[in-house]
C-alpha atoms as a PDB file:
ATOM      1  CA  MET A   1       0.262   0.017  -0.154  1.00  0.00           C
ATOM      2  CA  PRO A   2       0.970   3.498  -0.687  1.00  0.00           C
ATOM      3  CA  ILE A   3       2.241   5.708   2.292  1.00  0.00           C
ATOM      4  CA  VAL A   4      -1.018   8.171   2.993  1.00  0.00           C
ATOM      5  CA  ASP A   5      -0.679  11.431   4.717  1.00  0.00           C
ATOM      6  CA  GLU A   6      -3.471  11.323   7.458  1.00  0.00           C
ATOM      7  CA  ARG A   7      -3.981  14.853   7.471  1.00  0.00           C
ATOM      8  CA  SER A   8      -4.497  15.395   3.729  1.00  0.00           C
ATOM      9  CA  GLY A   9      -5.817  12.216   2.384  1.00  0.00           C
ATOM     10  CA  LEU A  10      -3.042  12.154  -0.126  1.00  0.00           C
ATOM     11  CA  PRO A  11      -0.591   9.652  -1.044  1.00  0.00           C
ATOM     12  CA  GLU A  12       3.172  10.500  -0.957  1.00  0.00           C
ATOM     13  CA  LEU A  13       4.179  12.410  -4.326  1.00  0.00           C
ATOM     14  CA  PRO A  14       7.007  13.156  -6.457  1.00  0.00           C
ATOM     15  CA  GLU A  15       7.860  17.009  -6.079  1.00  0.00           C
ATOM     16  CA  GLU A  16       6.661  18.023  -9.442  1.00  0.00           C
ATOM     17  CA  ALA A  17       3.050  16.131  -8.701  1.00  0.00           C
ATOM     18  CA  GLN A  18       2.808  17.815  -5.020  1.00  0.00           C
ATOM     19  CA  LYS A  19       3.550  21.500  -6.601  1.00  0.00           C
ATOM     20  CA  ILE A  20       0.947  21.247  -9.062  1.00  0.00           C
ATOM     21  CA  VAL A  21      -1.763  20.449  -5.911  1.00  0.00           C
ATOM     22  CA  ASP A  22      -0.230  23.421  -3.653  1.00  0.00           C
ATOM     23  CA  VAL A  23      -0.994  25.307  -6.614  1.00  0.00           C
ATOM     24  CA  MET A  24      -4.845  23.840  -6.814  1.00  0.00           C
ATOM     25  CA  ASN A  25      -5.296  24.038  -2.876  1.00  0.00           C
ATOM     26  CA  SER A  26      -4.238  27.865  -2.946  1.00  0.00           C
ATOM     27  CA  GLY A  27      -7.394  28.197  -5.172  1.00  0.00           C
ATOM     28  CA  ALA A  28      -4.818  29.856  -8.180  1.00  0.00           C
ATOM     29  CA  THR A  29      -6.407  28.012 -10.598  1.00  0.00           C
ATOM     30  CA  LEU A  30      -9.965  28.791 -11.591  1.00  0.00           C
ATOM     31  CA  GLY A  31     -12.427  26.768 -13.685  1.00  0.00           C
ATOM     32  CA  ALA A  32     -13.152  23.157 -13.747  1.00  0.00           C
ATOM     33  CA  SER A  33     -12.014  22.471 -17.142  1.00  0.00           C
ATOM     34  CA  ARG A  34      -8.198  23.825 -16.041  1.00  0.00           C
ATOM     35  CA  ASN A  35      -8.034  21.577 -12.603  1.00  0.00           C
ATOM     36  CA  ILE A  36      -9.013  18.748 -14.413  1.00  0.00           C
ATOM     37  CA  ARG A  37      -6.149  18.866 -16.898  1.00  0.00           C
ATOM     38  CA  GLN A  38      -4.059  19.635 -13.485  1.00  0.00           C
ATOM     39  CA  ILE A  39      -5.486  16.638 -11.719  1.00  0.00           C
ATOM     40  CA  ASN A  40      -4.873  14.199 -15.088  1.00  0.00           C
ATOM     41  CA  ASP A  41      -1.189  16.187 -15.045  1.00  0.00           C
ATOM     42  CA  VAL A  42      -0.850  14.732 -11.273  1.00  0.00           C
ATOM     43  CA  PHE A  43      -1.717  11.400 -12.285  1.00  0.00           C
ATOM     44  CA  LEU A  44       0.846  11.340 -14.873  1.00  0.00           C
ATOM     45  CA  LYS A  45       4.017  13.260 -13.182  1.00  0.00           C
ATOM     46  CA  THR A  46       2.933  10.745 -10.730  1.00  0.00           C
ATOM     47  CA  ALA A  47       3.299   7.460 -12.510  1.00  0.00           C
ATOM     48  CA  LYS A  48       6.487   8.887 -14.752  1.00  0.00           C
ATOM     49  CA  TYR A  49       8.492   9.576 -11.501  1.00  0.00           C
ATOM     50  CA  TRP A  50       7.399   7.052  -9.586  1.00  0.00           C
ATOM     51  CA  ALA A  51      10.154   6.054  -7.286  1.00  0.00           C
ATOM     52  CA  GLY A  52       8.720   2.443  -6.434  1.00  0.00           C
ATOM     53  CA  SER A  53       9.199  -0.393  -8.877  1.00  0.00           C
ATOM     54  CA  ASP A  54       5.169  -2.249  -7.823  1.00  0.00           C
ATOM     55  CA  ALA A  55       2.815  -1.079 -10.199  1.00  0.00           C
ATOM     56  CA  GLN A  56       0.357  -2.269  -8.134  1.00  0.00           C
ATOM     57  CA  VAL A  57       1.105   0.155  -5.869  1.00  0.00           C
ATOM     58  CA  LEU A  58       1.503   2.647  -7.995  1.00  0.00           C
ATOM     59  CA  ILE A  59      -2.182   1.914  -9.277  1.00  0.00           C
ATOM     60  CA  GLN A  60      -3.360   2.106  -5.630  1.00  0.00           C
ATOM     61  CA  ALA A  61      -1.578   5.461  -5.236  1.00  0.00           C
ATOM     62  CA  ILE A  62      -3.535   6.936  -8.447  1.00  0.00           C
ATOM     63  CA  GLN A  63      -6.539   5.539  -6.968  1.00  0.00           C
ATOM     64  CA  LYS A  64      -6.010   7.068  -3.443  1.00  0.00           C
ATOM     65  CA  THR A  65      -5.067  10.573  -5.382  1.00  0.00           C
ATOM     66  CA  ALA A  66      -8.361  10.091  -7.396  1.00  0.00           C
ATOM     67  CA  GLU A  67     -10.593   9.653  -4.316  1.00  0.00           C
ATOM     68  CA  TYR A  68      -8.915  12.701  -2.370  1.00  0.00           C
ATOM     69  CA  TYR A  69      -9.980  14.719  -5.405  1.00  0.00           C
ATOM     70  CA  ILE A  70     -13.779  13.297  -6.103  1.00  0.00           C
ATOM     71  CA  ASN A  71     -14.377  13.431  -2.020  1.00  0.00           C
ATOM     72  CA  ASN A  72     -13.239  16.961  -1.523  1.00  0.00           C
ATOM     73  CA  ARG A  73     -13.027  18.918  -5.565  1.00  0.00           C
ATOM     74  CA  GLY A  74     -15.755  16.458  -6.658  1.00  0.00           C
ATOM     75  CA  LYS A  75     -18.447  17.458  -4.016  1.00  0.00           C
ATOM     76  CA  ASN A  76     -18.140  21.098  -4.933  1.00  0.00           C
ATOM     77  CA  THR A  77     -17.365  20.845  -8.419  1.00  0.00           C
ATOM     78  CA  PRO A  78     -19.073  17.376  -9.875  1.00  0.00           C
ATOM     79  CA  ALA A  79     -17.219  17.305 -12.857  1.00  0.00           C
ATOM     80  CA  ILE A  80     -13.945  16.731 -11.350  1.00  0.00           C
ATOM     81  CA  GLY A  81     -15.134  13.784 -10.263  1.00  0.00           C
ATOM     82  CA  ASN A  82     -16.984  12.540 -13.365  1.00  0.00           C
ATOM     83  CA  ALA A  83     -13.827  13.795 -15.658  1.00  0.00           C
ATOM     84  CA  ILE A  84     -11.369  11.499 -12.991  1.00  0.00           C
ATOM     85  CA  ASN A  85     -13.832   8.733 -13.530  1.00  0.00           C
ATOM     86  CA  LYS A  86     -13.746   8.654 -17.115  1.00  0.00           C
ATOM     87  CA  VAL A  87     -10.075   9.056 -17.408  1.00  0.00           C
ATOM     88  CA  LEU A  88      -9.634   5.799 -15.161  1.00  0.00           C
ATOM     89  CA  ILE A  89     -11.894   3.434 -16.139  1.00  0.00           C
ATOM     90  CA  GLY A  90     -10.348   0.353 -16.271  1.00  0.00           C
ATOM     91  CA  LEU A  91      -7.041   1.267 -14.046  1.00  0.00           C
ATOM     92  CA  GLU A  92      -8.717  -1.030 -11.263  1.00  0.00           C
ATOM     93  CA  ASP A  93      -8.676  -4.089 -13.900  1.00  0.00           C
ATOM     94  CA  LEU A  94      -4.884  -3.424 -15.450  1.00  0.00           C
ATOM     95  CA  ASP A  95      -3.474  -6.610 -14.967  1.00  0.00           C
ATOM     96  CA  THR A  96       0.441  -5.844 -14.734  1.00  0.00           C
ATOM     97  CA  ASP A  97       3.326  -5.568 -12.038  1.00  0.00           C
ATOM     98  CA  GLN A  98       5.061  -3.266 -14.659  1.00  0.00           C
ATOM     99  CA  VAL A  99       5.325  -0.017 -14.134  1.00  0.00           C
ATOM    100  CA  ASP A 100       5.734   1.391 -17.914  1.00  0.00           C
ATOM    101  CA  LYS A 101       2.407  -0.125 -18.664  1.00  0.00           C
ATOM    102  CA  VAL A 102       0.880   1.923 -15.884  1.00  0.00           C
ATOM    103  CA  VAL A 103       2.662   5.396 -17.232  1.00  0.00           C
ATOM    104  CA  GLU A 104       1.440   3.673 -21.267  1.00  0.00           C
ATOM    105  CA  PHE A 105      -2.644   3.520 -19.741  1.00  0.00           C
ATOM    106  CA  LEU A 106      -2.707   6.980 -17.668  1.00  0.00           C
ATOM    107  CA  ASP A 107      -0.967   8.798 -20.907  1.00  0.00           C
ATOM    108  CA  GLN A 108      -3.373   7.462 -23.518  1.00  0.00           C
ATOM    109  CA  ARG A 109      -6.358   7.880 -21.278  1.00  0.00           C
ATOM    110  CA  CYS A 110      -5.609  11.400 -20.380  1.00  0.00           C
ATOM    111  CA  GLN A 111      -4.567  12.205 -24.047  1.00  0.00           C
ATOM    112  CA  LEU A 112      -8.234  10.455 -25.355  1.00  0.00           C
ATOM    113  CA  TYR A 113     -10.195  12.772 -22.492  1.00  0.00           C
ATOM    114  CA  ASN A 114      -8.354  15.925 -23.289  1.00  0.00           C
ATOM    115  CA  GLU A 115      -8.911  15.006 -27.000  1.00  0.00           C
ATOM    116  CA  LYS A 116     -12.530  14.017 -26.997  1.00  0.00           C
ATOM    117  CA  SER A 117     -12.893  17.219 -24.492  1.00  0.00           C
ATOM    118  CA  ILE A 118     -11.375  19.465 -27.189  1.00  0.00           C
ATOM    119  CA  GLU A 119     -14.467  17.568 -29.454  1.00  0.00           C
ATOM    120  CA  ASN A 120     -17.196  18.376 -27.468  1.00  0.00           C
ATOM    121  CA  VAL A 121     -16.485  22.304 -27.252  1.00  0.00           C
ATOM    122  CA  THR A 122     -15.713  22.468 -30.784  1.00  0.00           C
ATOM    123  CA  ALA A 123     -19.446  21.274 -31.596  1.00  0.00           C
ATOM    124  CA  ILE A 124     -21.201  23.178 -28.668  1.00  0.00           C
ATOM    125  CA  SER A 125     -19.640  25.926 -30.604  1.00  0.00           C
ATOM    126  CA  ASN A 126     -20.660  25.140 -33.705  1.00  0.00           C
ATOM    127  CA  MET A 127     -24.145  24.325 -32.416  1.00  0.00           C
ATOM    128  CA  GLY A 128     -24.567  27.550 -30.757  1.00  0.00           C
ATOM    129  CA  ALA A 129     -23.786  29.284 -33.543  1.00  0.00           C
ATOM    130  CA  ASN A 130     -25.930  27.611 -35.474  1.00  0.00           C
ATOM    131  CA  LEU A 131     -28.706  28.625 -33.241  1.00  0.00           C
ATOM    132  CA  LEU A 132     -27.726  32.091 -32.163  1.00  0.00           C
ATOM    133  CA  GLU A 133     -27.020  33.411 -35.871  1.00  0.00           C
ATOM    134  CA  GLY A 134     -30.150  35.390 -36.533  1.00  0.00           C
ATOM    135  CA  ALA A 135     -29.968  37.056 -33.556  1.00  0.00           C
ATOM    136  CA  GLU A 136     -28.549  40.816 -33.579  1.00  0.00           C
ATOM    137  CA  THR A 137     -27.963  41.193 -30.093  1.00  0.00           C
ATOM    138  CA  ILE A 138     -26.757  39.008 -27.390  1.00  0.00           C
ATOM    139  CA  LEU A 139     -26.745  39.089 -23.794  1.00  0.00           C
ATOM    140  CA  ALA A 140     -23.582  36.673 -22.186  1.00  0.00           C
ATOM    141  CA  TYR A 141     -23.472  36.718 -18.550  1.00  0.00           C
ATOM    142  CA  ASP A 142     -20.282  36.073 -16.541  1.00  0.00           C
ATOM    143  CA  TYR A 143     -17.231  34.218 -18.354  1.00  0.00           C
ATOM    144  CA  SER A 144     -17.416  30.619 -19.686  1.00  0.00           C
ATOM    145  CA  SER A 145     -15.213  29.085 -21.893  1.00  0.00           C
ATOM    146  CA  SER A 146     -18.373  27.020 -23.454  1.00  0.00           C
ATOM    147  CA  GLN A 147     -20.294  30.423 -23.647  1.00  0.00           C
ATOM    148  CA  MET A 148     -17.226  32.341 -24.917  1.00  0.00           C
ATOM    149  CA  GLY A 149     -16.720  29.397 -27.592  1.00  0.00           C
ATOM    150  CA  VAL A 150     -20.179  30.131 -29.252  1.00  0.00           C
ATOM    151  CA  LEU A 151     -19.193  33.690 -29.409  1.00  0.00           C
ATOM    152  CA  ARG A 152     -15.670  33.096 -31.271  1.00  0.00           C
ATOM    153  CA  GLU A 153     -17.633  31.140 -33.722  1.00  0.00           C
ATOM    154  CA  LEU A 154     -20.093  33.343 -34.895  1.00  0.00           C
ATOM    155  CA  GLY A 155     -17.272  35.980 -35.424  1.00  0.00           C
ATOM    156  CA  ILE A 156     -14.858  33.631 -37.417  1.00  0.00           C
ATOM    157  CA  ARG A 157     -17.972  32.695 -39.619  1.00  0.00           C
ATOM    158  CA  GLY A 158     -18.187  36.399 -39.844  1.00  0.00           C
ATOM    159  CA  LEU A 159     -21.438  37.042 -37.986  1.00  0.00           C
ATOM    160  CA  LYS A 160     -20.814  40.097 -36.386  1.00  0.00           C
ATOM    161  CA  LYS A 161     -23.299  40.737 -33.642  1.00  0.00           C
ATOM    162  CA  GLU A 162     -23.802  43.348 -30.731  1.00  0.00           C
ATOM    163  CA  ILE A 163     -22.843  41.624 -27.535  1.00  0.00           C
ATOM    164  CA  LEU A 164     -24.066  42.930 -23.840  1.00  0.00           C
ATOM    165  CA  ILE A 165     -22.184  42.239 -21.152  1.00  0.00           C
ATOM    166  CA  PRO A 166     -22.737  43.283 -17.913  1.00  0.00           C
ATOM    167  CA  GLU A 167     -19.870  43.486 -15.566  1.00  0.00           C
ATOM    168  CA  SER A 168     -20.274  40.530 -13.082  1.00  0.00           C
ATOM    169  CA  ARG A 169     -18.719  41.899 -10.692  1.00  0.00           C
ATOM    170  CA  ASP A 170     -18.326  39.312  -8.848  1.00  0.00           C
ATOM    171  CA  LEU A 171     -15.626  37.687 -10.632  1.00  0.00           C
ATOM    172  CA  ASP A 172     -15.022  40.719 -12.806  1.00  0.00           C
ATOM    173  CA  GLY A 173     -16.574  38.307 -15.255  1.00  0.00           C
ATOM    174  CA  GLY A 174     -17.550  40.599 -18.084  1.00  0.00           C
ATOM    175  CA  ARG A 175     -13.999  42.108 -18.688  1.00  0.00           C
ATOM    176  CA  PRO A 176     -12.406  38.506 -20.538  1.00  0.00           C
ATOM    177  CA  ILE A 177     -15.894  38.218 -22.646  1.00  0.00           C
ATOM    178  CA  VAL A 178     -15.509  42.119 -23.693  1.00  0.00           C
ATOM    179  CA  ARG A 179     -12.015  40.977 -24.796  1.00  0.00           C
ATOM    180  CA  GLU A 180     -12.665  37.942 -26.398  1.00  0.00           C
ATOM    181  CA  SER A 181     -15.594  39.385 -28.236  1.00  0.00           C
ATOM    182  CA  ILE A 182     -13.602  42.511 -29.533  1.00  0.00           C
ATOM    183  CA  SER A 183     -10.903  40.780 -31.168  1.00  0.00           C
ATOM    184  CA  VAL A 184     -13.168  38.341 -33.139  1.00  0.00           C
ATOM    185  CA  GLY A 185     -15.015  41.768 -34.394  1.00  0.00           C
ATOM    186  CA  HIS A 186     -18.304  41.817 -32.033  1.00  0.00           C
ATOM    187  CA  HIS A 187     -19.291  44.939 -30.980  1.00  0.00           C
ATOM    188  CA  VAL A 188     -19.562  45.307 -27.647  1.00  0.00           C
ATOM    189  CA  LYS A 189     -21.962  47.276 -24.508  1.00  0.00           C
ATOM    190  CA  PHE A 190     -20.180  46.735 -21.354  1.00  0.00           C
ATOM    191  CA  VAL A 191     -22.359  47.329 -18.712  1.00  0.00           C
ATOM    192  CA  ILE A 192     -22.843  47.645 -14.819  1.00  0.00           C
ATOM    193  CA  ASP A 193     -25.076  44.757 -13.299  1.00  0.00           C
ATOM    194  CA  MET A 194     -27.870  47.194 -12.220  1.00  0.00           C
ATOM    195  CA  ALA A 195     -28.446  48.660 -15.884  1.00  0.00           C
ATOM    196  CA  THR A 196     -28.919  45.372 -17.161  1.00  0.00           C
ATOM    197  CA  SER A 197     -33.042  45.350 -17.092  1.00  0.00           C
ATOM    198  CA  TYR A 198     -32.634  48.796 -19.374  1.00  0.00           C
ATOM    199  CA  PHE A 199     -31.004  46.618 -22.005  1.00  0.00           C
ATOM    200  CA  MET A 200     -32.402  43.672 -21.668  1.00  0.00           C
ATOM    201  CA  ARG A 201     -35.805  44.491 -23.395  1.00  0.00           C
ATOM    202  CA  ASP A 202     -33.742  44.726 -26.786  1.00  0.00           C
ATOM    203  CA  VAL A 203     -31.611  41.528 -26.601  1.00  0.00           C
ATOM    204  CA  ASP A 204     -32.632  38.418 -28.705  1.00  0.00           C
ATOM    205  CA  ALA A 205     -30.678  35.779 -26.799  1.00  0.00           C
ATOM    206  CA  VAL A 206     -29.523  35.648 -23.454  1.00  0.00           C
ATOM    207  CA  ILE A 207     -26.276  32.822 -23.104  1.00  0.00           C
ATOM    208  CA  ILE A 208     -24.774  31.573 -19.547  1.00  0.00           C
ATOM    209  CA  GLY A 209     -22.237  29.279 -18.633  1.00  0.00           C
ATOM    210  CA  ALA A 210     -23.083  26.291 -16.169  1.00  0.00           C
ATOM    211  CA  GLU A 211     -20.656  25.343 -13.010  1.00  0.00           C
ATOM    212  CA  THR A 212     -22.984  22.061 -12.318  1.00  0.00           C
ATOM    213  CA  ILE A 213     -25.989  21.232 -14.361  1.00  0.00           C
ATOM    214  CA  PHE A 214     -28.870  18.807 -12.585  1.00  0.00           C
ATOM    215  CA  ALA A 215     -30.807  16.226 -13.319  1.00  0.00           C
ATOM    216  CA  ASN A 216     -33.918  18.562 -13.241  1.00  0.00           C
ATOM    217  CA  GLY A 217     -32.857  20.921 -15.873  1.00  0.00           C
ATOM    218  CA  GLY A 218     -31.538  23.235 -13.815  1.00  0.00           C
ATOM    219  CA  CYS A 219     -28.171  24.660 -13.403  1.00  0.00           C
ATOM    220  CA  TRP A 220     -25.831  26.583 -10.852  1.00  0.00           C
ATOM    221  CA  ASN A 221     -23.635  29.800 -12.138  1.00  0.00           C
ATOM    222  CA  THR A 222     -22.206  32.845 -10.834  1.00  0.00           C
ATOM    223  CA  ILE A 223     -24.165  34.862  -8.567  1.00  0.00           C
ATOM    224  CA  GLY A 224     -26.046  37.023 -10.465  1.00  0.00           C
ATOM    225  CA  SER A 225     -26.916  34.646 -13.216  1.00  0.00           C
ATOM    226  CA  PHE A 226     -30.703  33.881 -11.694  1.00  0.00           C
ATOM    227  CA  ASN A 227     -31.200  37.749 -12.094  1.00  0.00           C
ATOM    228  CA  MET A 228     -30.372  37.746 -15.522  1.00  0.00           C
ATOM    229  CA  ALA A 229     -32.992  34.785 -15.849  1.00  0.00           C
ATOM    230  CA  ILE A 230     -35.760  36.419 -14.181  1.00  0.00           C
ATOM    231  CA  LEU A 231     -35.197  39.469 -16.940  1.00  0.00           C
ATOM    232  CA  ALA A 232     -34.678  37.193 -19.234  1.00  0.00           C
ATOM    233  CA  ASP A 233     -38.116  35.331 -18.419  1.00  0.00           C
ATOM    234  CA  TYR A 234     -39.822  38.679 -17.901  1.00  0.00           C
ATOM    235  CA  TYR A 235     -38.836  40.330 -21.570  1.00  0.00           C
ATOM    236  CA  LYS A 236     -39.914  36.808 -23.095  1.00  0.00           C
ATOM    237  CA  VAL A 237     -36.125  36.344 -23.979  1.00  0.00           C
ATOM    238  CA  PRO A 238     -34.503  32.880 -24.577  1.00  0.00           C
ATOM    239  CA  VAL A 239     -32.004  31.563 -21.965  1.00  0.00           C
ATOM    240  CA  TYR A 240     -29.446  28.988 -23.635  1.00  0.00           C
ATOM    241  CA  VAL A 241     -26.467  27.693 -21.332  1.00  0.00           C
ATOM    242  CA  PRO A 242     -23.534  25.855 -23.718  1.00  0.00           C
ATOM    243  CA  THR A 243     -22.067  23.257 -21.748  1.00  0.00           C
ATOM    244  CA  GLU A 244     -20.606  19.929 -21.602  1.00  0.00           C
ATOM    245  CA  LEU A 245     -22.435  16.957 -19.861  1.00  0.00           C
ATOM    246  CA  ILE A 246     -19.736  16.422 -17.886  1.00  0.00           C
ATOM    247  CA  LYS A 247     -21.098  18.864 -15.412  1.00  0.00           C
ATOM    248  CA  ILE A 248     -24.182  16.400 -14.152  1.00  0.00           C
ATOM    249  CA  ASP A 249     -24.143  16.050 -10.930  1.00  0.00           C
ATOM    250  CA  PRO A 250     -25.034  12.903 -10.294  1.00  0.00           C
ATOM    251  CA  ARG A 251     -26.384  13.174  -6.584  1.00  0.00           C
ATOM    252  CA  SER A 252     -29.156  15.382  -8.160  1.00  0.00           C
ATOM    253  CA  PHE A 253     -31.051  12.443  -9.328  1.00  0.00           C
ATOM    254  CA  LEU A 254     -31.622  11.195  -5.732  1.00  0.00           C
ATOM    255  CA  GLY A 255     -32.494  14.760  -5.144  1.00  0.00           C
ATOM    256  CA  ILE A 256     -29.546  15.829  -3.250  1.00  0.00           C
ATOM    257  CA  GLU A 257     -28.859  19.398  -2.927  1.00  0.00           C
ATOM    258  CA  LYS A 258     -25.820  21.467  -3.676  1.00  0.00           C
ATOM    259  CA  GLU A 259     -24.824  22.751  -0.533  1.00  0.00           C
ATOM    260  CA  ILE A 260     -24.459  26.272  -1.060  1.00  0.00           C
ATOM    261  CA  LYS A 261     -20.931  28.058  -0.934  1.00  0.00           C
ATOM    262  CA  PHE A 262     -20.699  31.849   0.540  1.00  0.00           C
ATOM    263  CA  ASP A 263     -18.159  34.210  -0.044  1.00  0.00           C
ATOM    264  CA  ASP A 264     -16.644  36.892   1.595  1.00  0.00           C
ATOM    265  CA  TYR A 265     -16.997  39.573   0.030  1.00  0.00           C
ATOM    266  CA  SER A 266     -14.842  42.391   1.538  1.00  0.00           C
ATOM    267  CA  GLU A 267     -12.626  43.204  -1.229  1.00  0.00           C
ATOM    268  CA  ILE A 268     -15.177  44.273  -3.919  1.00  0.00           C
ATOM    269  CA  LEU A 269     -17.478  46.316  -1.326  1.00  0.00           C
ATOM    270  CA  GLU A 270     -13.832  47.906   0.117  1.00  0.00           C
ATOM    271  CA  TYR A 271     -14.766  46.921   3.690  1.00  0.00           C
ATOM    272  CA  PRO A 272     -14.396  47.423   6.544  1.00  0.00           C
ATOM    273  CA  GLY A 273     -12.541  50.581   4.797  1.00  0.00           C
ATOM    274  CA  SER A 274     -14.180  53.726   6.291  1.00  0.00           C
ATOM    275  CA  PHE A 275     -17.044  52.313   7.249  1.00  0.00           C
ATOM    276  CA  GLU A 276     -18.141  52.907  11.161  1.00  0.00           C
ATOM    277  CA  SER A 277     -18.599  49.704  12.944  1.00  0.00           C
ATOM    278  CA  PRO A 278     -17.703  47.516  11.114  1.00  0.00           C
ATOM    279  CA  GLU A 279     -18.143  44.908  13.635  1.00  0.00           C
ATOM    280  CA  MET A 280     -22.070  45.426  12.756  1.00  0.00           C
ATOM    281  CA  ILE A 281     -21.606  44.637   8.925  1.00  0.00           C
ATOM    282  CA  SER A 282     -21.698  41.598   7.473  1.00  0.00           C
ATOM    283  CA  VAL A 283     -20.521  41.129   3.808  1.00  0.00           C
ATOM    284  CA  ILE A 284     -20.964  37.792   3.459  1.00  0.00           C
ATOM    285  CA  ALA A 285     -23.097  36.187   0.388  1.00  0.00           C
ATOM    286  CA  PRO A 286     -23.569  32.988  -2.099  1.00  0.00           C
ATOM    287  CA  ALA A 287     -20.998  32.671  -4.723  1.00  0.00           C
ATOM    288  CA  LEU A 288     -23.420  30.730  -7.000  1.00  0.00           C
ATOM    289  CA  ASP A 289     -26.770  31.271  -8.022  1.00  0.00           C
ATOM    290  CA  LEU A 290     -29.556  28.100  -8.903  1.00  0.00           C
ATOM    291  CA  VAL A 291     -31.110  29.019 -11.962  1.00  0.00           C
ATOM    292  CA  PRO A 292     -34.355  26.812 -12.139  1.00  0.00           C
ATOM    293  CA  PRO A 293     -35.398  24.747 -15.501  1.00  0.00           C
ATOM    294  CA  SER A 294     -38.226  27.241 -16.093  1.00  0.00           C
ATOM    295  CA  LEU A 295     -35.994  29.683 -16.806  1.00  0.00           C
ATOM    296  CA  ILE A 296     -33.960  27.781 -18.921  1.00  0.00           C
ATOM    297  CA  THR A 297     -35.237  27.376 -22.930  1.00  0.00           C
ATOM    298  CA  ALA A 298     -32.271  24.690 -23.556  1.00  0.00           C
ATOM    299  CA  PHE A 299     -28.756  23.587 -23.364  1.00  0.00           C
ATOM    300  CA  ILE A 300     -26.224  23.641 -25.866  1.00  0.00           C
ATOM    301  CA  THR A 301     -24.463  20.323 -25.078  1.00  0.00           C
ATOM    302  CA  GLU A 302     -22.117  17.653 -27.447  1.00  0.00           C
ATOM    303  CA  LYS A 303     -25.301  15.869 -27.718  1.00  0.00           C
ATOM    304  CA  GLY A 304     -27.494  18.644 -29.197  1.00  0.00           C
ATOM    305  CA  VAL A 305     -29.711  21.464 -28.417  1.00  0.00           C
ATOM    306  CA  ILE A 306     -31.901  19.759 -25.505  1.00  0.00           C
ATOM    307  CA  ASN A 307     -34.248  21.653 -23.331  1.00  0.00           C
ATOM    308  CA  PRO A 308     -34.493  21.359 -19.651  1.00  0.00           C
ATOM    309  CA  ALA A 309     -36.810  18.045 -19.764  1.00  0.00           C
ATOM    310  CA  GLN A 310     -34.437  16.078 -21.658  1.00  0.00           C
ATOM    311  CA  LEU A 311     -31.351  16.447 -19.444  1.00  0.00           C
ATOM    312  CA  TRP A 312     -32.407  13.608 -17.641  1.00  0.00           C
ATOM    313  CA  SER A 313     -32.048  10.584 -20.175  1.00  0.00           C
ATOM    314  CA  HIS A 314     -29.049  12.512 -21.789  1.00  0.00           C
ATOM    315  CA  ALA A 315     -27.632  12.814 -18.473  1.00  0.00           C
ATOM    316  CA  ILE A 316     -28.104   9.123 -17.342  1.00  0.00           C
ATOM    317  CA  ALA A 317     -26.961   7.920 -20.723  1.00  0.00           C
ATOM    318  CA  PHE A 318     -23.477   9.904 -19.863  1.00  0.00           C
ATOM    319  CA  LEU A 319     -22.882   8.391 -16.353  1.00  0.00           C
ATOM    320  CA  ASP A 320     -23.402   4.855 -17.881  1.00  0.00           C
ATOM    321  CA  GLU A 321     -20.531   5.594 -20.131  1.00  0.00           C
ATOM    322  CA  ILE A 322     -18.576   6.407 -17.086  1.00  0.00           C
ATOM    323  CA  HIS A 323     -19.931   3.639 -14.748  1.00  0.00           C
ATOM    324  CA  VAL A 324     -21.545   5.659 -12.270  1.00  0.00           C
ATOM    325  CA  ASP A 325     -24.735   4.737 -11.187  1.00  0.00           C
ATOM    326  CA  PRO A 326     -26.456   8.030  -9.396  1.00  0.00           C
ATOM    327  CA  PHE A 327     -29.460   5.466  -8.216  1.00  0.00           C
ATOM    328  CA  SER A 328     -26.916   3.441  -5.766  1.00  0.00           C
ATOM    329  CA  ASN A 329     -24.856   5.867  -4.573  1.00  0.00           C
ATOM    330  CA  GLU A 330     -25.588   8.900  -2.958  1.00  0.00           C
ATOM    331  CA  GLU A 331     -21.784  10.606  -2.970  1.00  0.00           C
ATOM    332  CA  GLY A 332     -22.372  10.184  -6.866  1.00  0.00           C
ATOM    333  CA  GLY A 333     -19.004  10.393  -7.313  1.00  0.00           C
ATOM    334  CA  SER A 334     -17.046   7.579  -6.137  1.00  0.00           C
ATOM    335  CA  LEU A 335     -14.516   5.339  -8.329  1.00  0.00           C
ATOM    336  CA  ASN A 336     -16.045   3.813 -11.189  1.00  0.00           C
ATOM    337  CA  GLU A 337     -18.336   1.820  -8.688  1.00  0.00           C
END
């Protein structure tokens, strides 16, 4: 058995892998896709720099590392647990005493995952551009790589749009959309969040990303997303969510709700600053919004444009591919059980 740190739950890792873990734990890496790629790097560096000669102990070390991320990061970001399950399918059945064979297996699986993810994002970008080619004004709220892929594809096709971009003050998520939209030729209106209601009446479509999607057809996204969806509903504007199915939360099939994460907004609100009696002021608020299926027109996924009611069956099929049964495991993310 590999040596496991009782405090962290991680096995002993080579220095190069530990550096990546430390960066991830610092919170410096944003976005599920980037985190997934870094976890894959941890697997590969652990295998390639494995000091022991026992391949089965290496496999156990990889599995312990995977369990650590599934039980920690995977609970808040299901895409991470789903991706780990997808990459490591078959690892426990690998019958070998050669470390090189384990390295080869991981290298191939990580490469396959990355290639498939790029293929999925390309499909989502193309389908989203097809869907929105007739829209003149599109509201894009908070940065998402899938959302930006759609806007980028529209620009590449020469379909220049007016993009309404609220600042998304929480993460300053509007600014990168502004930069990338301009780079592909779109005209941009960059507005403060509270001005969105004035401009929404002239919007043809809203696109938001998704941090997590649920079996009932809803999703979690950056705080403010619910406000945008409510405004869109009032003005009868369709709301689209471009996302890979890997973001499905398996626990949602059992009705288990995602725990709400709260953030400290001291820096954004310049607190305590010059406030009198700061001890009487709270600057704590949720980091994510729940957008219910009733406010979502469709998800733009690698399997096509699907309405919220169809998400259940598509998500079940995806989880079956990665050997996760959401009805038998309440934690919804254990390693290929």
